[in-house]
Amino acid sequence: MIKNIAHGYGKLLGSTLKILFLLAACTLLGAAIVYPLWKFATTKPTEYTVTILVLVAATLIFLLVKKIMAAGAKTTLLQFARIAVIAAGIIGSVALVLNGMRLLAIPITVAAVILYGILSFGYAKK
């Protein structure tokens, strides 16, 4: 019985030490990553901004190329065309309404919806 109790407390102590070790490791690793970034951002904000923008752009380009390779160029171009039609329709309609040409915004919106329908449903899925 004492052996079981000692074994139970040993497991409890071991688990507690593992949790404390993991907490300390996460804290040290976080500080090792965050402190240099914070120092870079506060001492050279322009260079930091350019570096982050370049890294984000490189990541987006990598993901875009990976997606194009996986889906195929035709599918990707069709998806971009759909997004462009929606964006152009919304931007054009809002710009016309803000410039006081409300009646001209209606056919632009209708044309965008029709063109989106053609792009989305007009092509047979293979």
N, C-alpha and C. Protein backbone atom coordinates (compact mmCIF):
# COMPACT_ATOMS: atom_id res chain seq x y z
N MET A 1 0.82 -1.19 0.00
CA MET A 1 0.00 0.00 0.00
C MET A 1 0.87 1.26 0.00
N ILE A 2 1.88 1.28 0.82
CA ILE A 2 2.78 2.43 0.88
C ILE A 2 3.51 2.56 -0.46
N LYS A 3 3.81 1.40 -1.05
CA LYS A 3 4.48 1.42 -2.35
C LYS A 3 3.59 2.08 -3.41
N ASN A 4 2.29 1.78 -3.38
CA ASN A 4 1.35 2.39 -4.33
C ASN A 4 1.22 3.89 -4.11
N ILE A 5 1.17 4.30 -2.85
CA ILE A 5 1.07 5.73 -2.53
C ILE A 5 2.33 6.46 -2.99
N ALA A 6 3.49 5.87 -2.71
CA ALA A 6 4.75 6.49 -3.14
C ALA A 6 4.82 6.56 -4.66
N HIS A 7 4.36 5.50 -5.32
CA HIS A 7 4.35 5.50 -6.78
C HIS A 7 3.43 6.60 -7.32
N GLY A 8 2.25 6.77 -6.70
CA GLY A 8 1.31 7.80 -7.11
C GLY A 8 1.89 9.20 -6.95
N TYR A 9 2.52 9.43 -5.78
CA TYR A 9 3.16 10.74 -5.56
C TYR A 9 4.34 10.95 -6.49
N GLY A 10 5.05 9.88 -6.83
CA GLY A 10 6.16 9.98 -7.79
C GLY A 10 5.65 10.40 -9.17
N LYS A 11 4.56 9.81 -9.61
CA LYS A 11 3.98 10.19 -10.91
C LYS A 11 3.49 11.63 -10.88
N LEU A 12 2.87 12.02 -9.75
CA LEU A 12 2.38 13.40 -9.62
C LEU A 12 3.54 14.39 -9.66
N LEU A 13 4.60 14.10 -8.95
CA LEU A 13 5.77 14.97 -8.94
C LEU A 13 6.41 15.02 -10.33
N GLY A 14 6.49 13.87 -10.98
CA GLY A 14 7.06 13.82 -12.34
C GLY A 14 6.24 14.66 -13.32
N SER A 15 4.93 14.54 -13.24
CA SER A 15 4.06 15.33 -14.12
C SER A 15 4.19 16.82 -13.84
N THR A 16 4.27 17.17 -12.56
CA THR A 16 4.43 18.58 -12.20
C THR A 16 5.75 19.13 -12.72
N LEU A 17 6.82 18.35 -12.59
CA LEU A 17 8.12 18.80 -13.08
C LEU A 17 8.12 18.92 -14.61
N LYS A 18 7.45 18.01 -15.30
CA LYS A 18 7.36 18.10 -16.76
C LYS A 18 6.63 19.38 -17.18
N ILE A 19 5.54 19.70 -16.47
CA ILE A 19 4.77 20.91 -16.79
C ILE A 19 5.62 22.14 -16.52
N LEU A 20 6.32 22.18 -15.39
CA LEU A 20 7.18 23.33 -15.09
C LEU A 20 8.31 23.47 -16.10
N PHE A 21 8.90 22.35 -16.52
CA PHE A 21 9.96 22.38 -17.52
C PHE A 21 9.42 22.89 -18.85
N LEU A 22 8.26 22.41 -19.25
CA LEU A 22 7.65 22.86 -20.50
C LEU A 22 7.32 24.35 -20.44
N LEU A 23 6.81 24.82 -19.31
CA LEU A 23 6.52 26.24 -19.14
C LEU A 23 7.79 27.08 -19.24
N ALA A 24 8.86 26.63 -18.60
CA ALA A 24 10.13 27.36 -18.65
C ALA A 24 10.70 27.35 -20.07
N ALA A 25 10.62 26.22 -20.76
CA ALA A 25 11.13 26.13 -22.13
C ALA A 25 10.35 27.05 -23.06
N CYS A 26 9.04 27.07 -22.92
CA CYS A 26 8.22 27.96 -23.75
C CYS A 26 8.53 29.43 -23.47
N THR A 27 8.71 29.77 -22.22
CA THR A 27 9.02 31.14 -21.85
C THR A 27 10.37 31.57 -22.43
N LEU A 28 11.37 30.74 -22.28
CA LEU A 28 12.70 31.07 -22.80
C LEU A 28 12.70 31.13 -24.33
N LEU A 29 12.04 30.18 -24.97
CA LEU A 29 11.99 30.19 -26.43
C LEU A 29 11.22 31.42 -26.94
N GLY A 30 10.13 31.74 -26.27
CA GLY A 30 9.37 32.93 -26.66
C GLY A 30 10.19 34.20 -26.51
N ALA A 31 10.91 34.31 -25.40
CA ALA A 31 11.75 35.48 -25.19
C ALA A 31 12.88 35.54 -26.21
N ALA A 32 13.44 34.38 -26.54
CA ALA A 32 14.54 34.34 -27.52
C ALA A 32 14.07 34.75 -28.92
N ILE A 33 12.80 34.52 -29.21
CA ILE A 33 12.27 34.90 -30.53
C ILE A 33 11.76 36.34 -30.51
N VAL A 34 11.04 36.71 -29.47
CA VAL A 34 10.37 38.01 -29.44
C VAL A 34 11.33 39.16 -29.17
N TYR A 35 12.28 38.99 -28.27
CA TYR A 35 13.16 40.11 -27.90
C TYR A 35 13.94 40.66 -29.10
N PRO A 36 14.59 39.83 -29.91
CA PRO A 36 15.30 40.40 -31.07
C PRO A 36 14.35 41.10 -32.05
N LEU A 37 13.16 40.53 -32.24
CA LEU A 37 12.19 41.19 -33.14
C LEU A 37 11.75 42.53 -32.58
N TRP A 38 11.49 42.58 -31.29
CA TRP A 38 11.09 43.84 -30.66
C TRP A 38 12.22 44.87 -30.77
N LYS A 39 13.44 44.42 -30.49
CA LYS A 39 14.59 45.33 -30.55
C LYS A 39 14.77 45.87 -31.97
N PHE A 40 14.64 45.00 -32.98
CA PHE A 40 14.75 45.39 -34.38
C PHE A 40 13.64 46.38 -34.75
N ALA A 41 12.42 46.11 -34.28
CA ALA A 41 11.29 46.97 -34.62
C ALA A 41 11.40 48.35 -33.97
N THR A 42 11.96 48.43 -32.78
CA THR A 42 12.03 49.72 -32.10
C THR A 42 13.25 50.53 -32.51
N THR A 43 14.35 49.88 -32.85
CA THR A 43 15.56 50.63 -33.22
C THR A 43 15.57 51.01 -34.70
N LYS A 44 15.03 50.16 -35.57
CA LYS A 44 15.03 50.43 -37.02
C LYS A 44 13.65 50.10 -37.59
N PRO A 45 12.66 50.96 -37.33
CA PRO A 45 11.29 50.63 -37.75
C PRO A 45 11.11 50.53 -39.26
N THR A 46 11.82 51.34 -40.03
CA THR A 46 11.66 51.29 -41.49
C THR A 46 12.19 49.97 -42.04
N GLU A 47 13.38 49.57 -41.60
CA GLU A 47 13.96 48.32 -42.06
C GLU A 47 13.11 47.13 -41.61
N TYR A 48 12.57 47.20 -40.40
CA TYR A 48 11.72 46.14 -39.89
C TYR A 48 10.46 46.00 -40.75
N THR A 49 9.84 47.13 -41.08
CA THR A 49 8.63 47.11 -41.90
C THR A 49 8.92 46.51 -43.27
N VAL A 50 10.01 46.94 -43.88
CA VAL A 50 10.37 46.40 -45.20
C VAL A 50 10.64 44.90 -45.10
N THR A 51 11.36 44.48 -44.08
CA THR A 51 11.66 43.06 -43.91
C THR A 51 10.40 42.23 -43.75
N ILE A 52 9.48 42.69 -42.91
CA ILE A 52 8.24 41.96 -42.69
C ILE A 52 7.41 41.93 -43.97
N LEU A 53 7.32 43.06 -44.68
CA LEU A 53 6.56 43.07 -45.94
C LEU A 53 7.16 42.13 -46.97
N VAL A 54 8.48 42.08 -47.06
CA VAL A 54 9.13 41.16 -48.00
C VAL A 54 8.85 39.71 -47.62
N LEU A 55 8.94 39.41 -46.33
CA LEU A 55 8.66 38.04 -45.88
C LEU A 55 7.22 37.63 -46.14
N VAL A 56 6.28 38.54 -45.87
CA VAL A 56 4.87 38.25 -46.12
C VAL A 56 4.62 38.08 -47.62
N ALA A 57 5.20 38.96 -48.44
CA ALA A 57 5.03 38.85 -49.89
C ALA A 57 5.62 37.54 -50.42
N ALA A 58 6.78 37.17 -49.91
CA ALA A 58 7.41 35.92 -50.35
C ALA A 58 6.55 34.71 -49.96
N THR A 59 5.99 34.76 -48.77
CA THR A 59 5.12 33.67 -48.34
C THR A 59 3.87 33.59 -49.20
N LEU A 60 3.26 34.74 -49.48
CA LEU A 60 2.07 34.75 -50.32
C LEU A 60 2.37 34.26 -51.74
N ILE A 61 3.50 34.66 -52.29
CA ILE A 61 3.88 34.20 -53.63
C ILE A 61 4.11 32.69 -53.61
N PHE A 62 4.78 32.20 -52.59
CA PHE A 62 5.01 30.77 -52.47
C PHE A 62 3.69 30.01 -52.41
N LEU A 63 2.76 30.46 -51.57
CA LEU A 63 1.47 29.80 -51.45
C LEU A 63 0.67 29.88 -52.74
N LEU A 64 0.77 31.02 -53.43
CA LEU A 64 0.06 31.19 -54.69
C LEU A 64 0.60 30.23 -55.75
N VAL A 65 1.90 30.13 -55.85
CA VAL A 65 2.50 29.21 -56.83
C VAL A 65 2.15 27.77 -56.48
N LYS A 66 2.18 27.44 -55.21
CA LYS A 66 1.82 26.09 -54.77
C LYS A 66 0.36 25.77 -55.14
N LYS A 67 -0.53 26.74 -54.93
CA LYS A 67 -1.95 26.56 -55.26
C LYS A 67 -2.14 26.40 -56.76
N ILE A 68 -1.44 27.21 -57.55
CA ILE A 68 -1.55 27.12 -59.01
C ILE A 68 -1.05 25.76 -59.48
N MET A 69 0.05 25.29 -58.92
CA MET A 69 0.57 23.98 -59.32
C MET A 69 -0.41 22.87 -58.97
N ALA A 70 -1.06 22.97 -57.83
CA ALA A 70 -1.99 21.92 -57.39
C ALA A 70 -3.30 21.95 -58.18
N ALA A 71 -3.84 23.14 -58.42
CA ALA A 71 -5.16 23.26 -59.04
C ALA A 71 -5.09 23.35 -60.56
N GLY A 72 -4.00 23.81 -61.09
CA GLY A 72 -3.90 24.02 -62.52
C GLY A 72 -4.09 25.48 -62.86
N ALA A 73 -3.49 25.90 -63.95
CA ALA A 73 -3.52 27.31 -64.32
C ALA A 73 -4.92 27.77 -64.72
N LYS A 74 -5.65 26.94 -65.46
CA LYS A 74 -6.98 27.35 -65.93
C LYS A 74 -7.93 27.57 -64.77
N THR A 75 -7.94 26.66 -63.82
CA THR A 75 -8.81 26.79 -62.65
C THR A 75 -8.44 28.03 -61.84
N THR A 76 -7.15 28.25 -61.67
CA THR A 76 -6.70 29.41 -60.89
C THR A 76 -7.07 30.71 -61.59
N LEU A 77 -6.85 30.79 -62.91
CA LEU A 77 -7.21 32.00 -63.64
C LEU A 77 -8.72 32.26 -63.60
N LEU A 78 -9.50 31.20 -63.67
CA LEU A 78 -10.95 31.35 -63.57
C LEU A 78 -11.35 31.88 -62.20
N GLN A 79 -10.70 31.39 -61.16
CA GLN A 79 -10.99 31.89 -59.80
C GLN A 79 -10.60 33.36 -59.66
N PHE A 80 -9.43 33.73 -60.20
CA PHE A 80 -9.02 35.14 -60.16
C PHE A 80 -9.98 36.01 -60.95
N ALA A 81 -10.48 35.51 -62.06
CA ALA A 81 -11.44 36.28 -62.86
C ALA A 81 -12.73 36.51 -62.08
N ARG A 82 -13.19 35.48 -61.37
CA ARG A 82 -14.40 35.64 -60.54
C ARG A 82 -14.18 36.72 -59.47
N ILE A 83 -13.04 36.64 -58.80
CA ILE A 83 -12.74 37.63 -57.75
C ILE A 83 -12.64 39.03 -58.35
N ALA A 84 -12.00 39.15 -59.52
CA ALA A 84 -11.85 40.45 -60.17
C ALA A 84 -13.21 41.03 -60.57
N VAL A 85 -14.10 40.18 -61.07
CA VAL A 85 -15.44 40.66 -61.47
C VAL A 85 -16.21 41.16 -60.26
N ILE A 86 -16.17 40.40 -59.17
CA ILE A 86 -16.87 40.83 -57.96
C ILE A 86 -16.29 42.15 -57.44
N ALA A 87 -14.96 42.23 -57.36
CA ALA A 87 -14.31 43.45 -56.85
C ALA A 87 -14.59 44.64 -57.75
N ALA A 88 -14.48 44.44 -59.07
CA ALA A 88 -14.73 45.56 -60.00
C ALA A 88 -16.18 46.01 -59.93
N GLY A 89 -17.10 45.07 -59.81
CA GLY A 89 -18.52 45.45 -59.70
C GLY A 89 -18.80 46.26 -58.45
N ILE A 90 -18.27 45.82 -57.33
CA ILE A 90 -18.49 46.53 -56.08
C ILE A 90 -17.81 47.90 -56.10
N ILE A 91 -16.54 47.93 -56.51
CA ILE A 91 -15.81 49.20 -56.53
C ILE A 91 -16.45 50.18 -57.52
N GLY A 92 -16.79 49.68 -58.70
CA GLY A 92 -17.41 50.55 -59.70
C GLY A 92 -18.74 51.10 -59.24
N SER A 93 -19.57 50.24 -58.66
CA SER A 93 -20.88 50.70 -58.18
C SER A 93 -20.76 51.71 -57.06
N VAL A 94 -19.89 51.44 -56.12
CA VAL A 94 -19.71 52.37 -55.00
C VAL A 94 -19.15 53.70 -55.50
N ALA A 95 -18.18 53.65 -56.41
CA ALA A 95 -17.61 54.89 -56.94
C ALA A 95 -18.66 55.71 -57.68
N LEU A 96 -19.50 55.04 -58.46
CA LEU A 96 -20.55 55.77 -59.17
C LEU A 96 -21.57 56.37 -58.21
N VAL A 97 -21.96 55.63 -57.18
CA VAL A 97 -22.91 56.16 -56.20
C VAL A 97 -22.31 57.34 -55.47
N LEU A 98 -21.05 57.25 -55.08
CA LEU A 98 -20.41 58.35 -54.37
C LEU A 98 -20.22 59.58 -55.24
N ASN A 99 -20.16 59.39 -56.56
CA ASN A 99 -20.04 60.53 -57.47
C ASN A 99 -21.39 61.02 -57.98
N GLY A 100 -22.46 60.51 -57.40
CA GLY A 100 -23.79 61.00 -57.73
C GLY A 100 -24.42 60.37 -58.96
N MET A 101 -23.83 59.34 -59.52
CA MET A 101 -24.39 58.68 -60.70
C MET A 101 -25.05 57.36 -60.29
N ARG A 102 -26.12 57.49 -59.50
CA ARG A 102 -26.76 56.30 -58.94
C ARG A 102 -27.40 55.42 -60.00
N LEU A 103 -27.99 56.01 -61.00
CA LEU A 103 -28.66 55.21 -62.04
C LEU A 103 -27.65 54.42 -62.87
N LEU A 104 -26.48 54.94 -63.06
CA LEU A 104 -25.46 54.22 -63.81
C LEU A 104 -24.87 53.06 -63.00
N ALA A 105 -25.00 53.12 -61.68
CA ALA A 105 -24.48 52.04 -60.82
C ALA A 105 -25.33 50.77 -60.96
N ILE A 106 -26.61 50.93 -61.29
CA ILE A 106 -27.49 49.76 -61.40
C ILE A 106 -27.06 48.84 -62.54
N PRO A 107 -26.86 49.34 -63.77
CA PRO A 107 -26.43 48.41 -64.82
C PRO A 107 -25.03 47.82 -64.58
N ILE A 108 -24.18 48.57 -63.91
CA ILE A 108 -22.85 48.04 -63.59
C ILE A 108 -23.00 46.86 -62.63
N THR A 109 -23.84 46.99 -61.63
CA THR A 109 -24.07 45.91 -60.68
C THR A 109 -24.69 44.70 -61.36
N VAL A 110 -25.69 44.94 -62.21
CA VAL A 110 -26.34 43.84 -62.93
C VAL A 110 -25.34 43.15 -63.86
N ALA A 111 -24.50 43.92 -64.55
CA ALA A 111 -23.50 43.34 -65.45
C ALA A 111 -22.50 42.51 -64.66
N ALA A 112 -22.11 42.97 -63.50
CA ALA A 112 -21.16 42.21 -62.68
C ALA A 112 -21.77 40.89 -62.22
N VAL A 113 -23.04 40.92 -61.83
CA VAL A 113 -23.72 39.69 -61.39
C VAL A 113 -23.84 38.71 -62.56
N ILE A 114 -24.23 39.21 -63.74
CA ILE A 114 -24.36 38.34 -64.92
C ILE A 114 -23.00 37.76 -65.32
N LEU A 115 -21.97 38.60 -65.34
CA LEU A 115 -20.64 38.12 -65.70
C LEU A 115 -20.12 37.11 -64.69
N TYR A 116 -20.40 37.34 -63.43
CA TYR A 116 -20.00 36.37 -62.42
C TYR A 116 -20.73 35.05 -62.62
N GLY A 117 -22.01 35.12 -62.95
CA GLY A 117 -22.78 33.90 -63.23
C GLY A 117 -22.21 33.13 -64.41
N ILE A 118 -21.82 33.83 -65.45
CA ILE A 118 -21.22 33.18 -66.62
C ILE A 118 -19.90 32.51 -66.22
N LEU A 119 -19.08 33.22 -65.45
CA LEU A 119 -17.79 32.66 -65.04
C LEU A 119 -17.96 31.47 -64.08
N SER A 120 -18.97 31.54 -63.21
CA SER A 120 -19.14 30.49 -62.21
C SER A 120 -19.90 29.29 -62.73
N PHE A 121 -20.96 29.54 -63.50
CA PHE A 121 -21.84 28.44 -63.87
C PHE A 121 -21.86 28.17 -65.38
N GLY A 122 -21.25 29.04 -66.17
CA GLY A 122 -21.28 28.88 -67.62
C GLY A 122 -20.29 27.85 -68.12
N TYR A 123 -19.23 27.61 -67.36
CA TYR A 123 -18.24 26.62 -67.77
C TYR A 123 -18.56 25.29 -67.14
N ALA A 124 -18.56 24.24 -67.91
CA ALA A 124 -18.87 22.89 -67.38
C ALA A 124 -17.69 22.43 -66.52
N LYS A 125 -18.05 21.88 -65.38
CA LYS A 125 -17.02 21.33 -64.50
C LYS A 125 -16.55 20.00 -65.07
N LYS A 126 -15.24 19.78 -65.02
CA LYS A 126 -14.72 18.52 -65.55
C LYS A 126 -14.46 17.56 -64.42
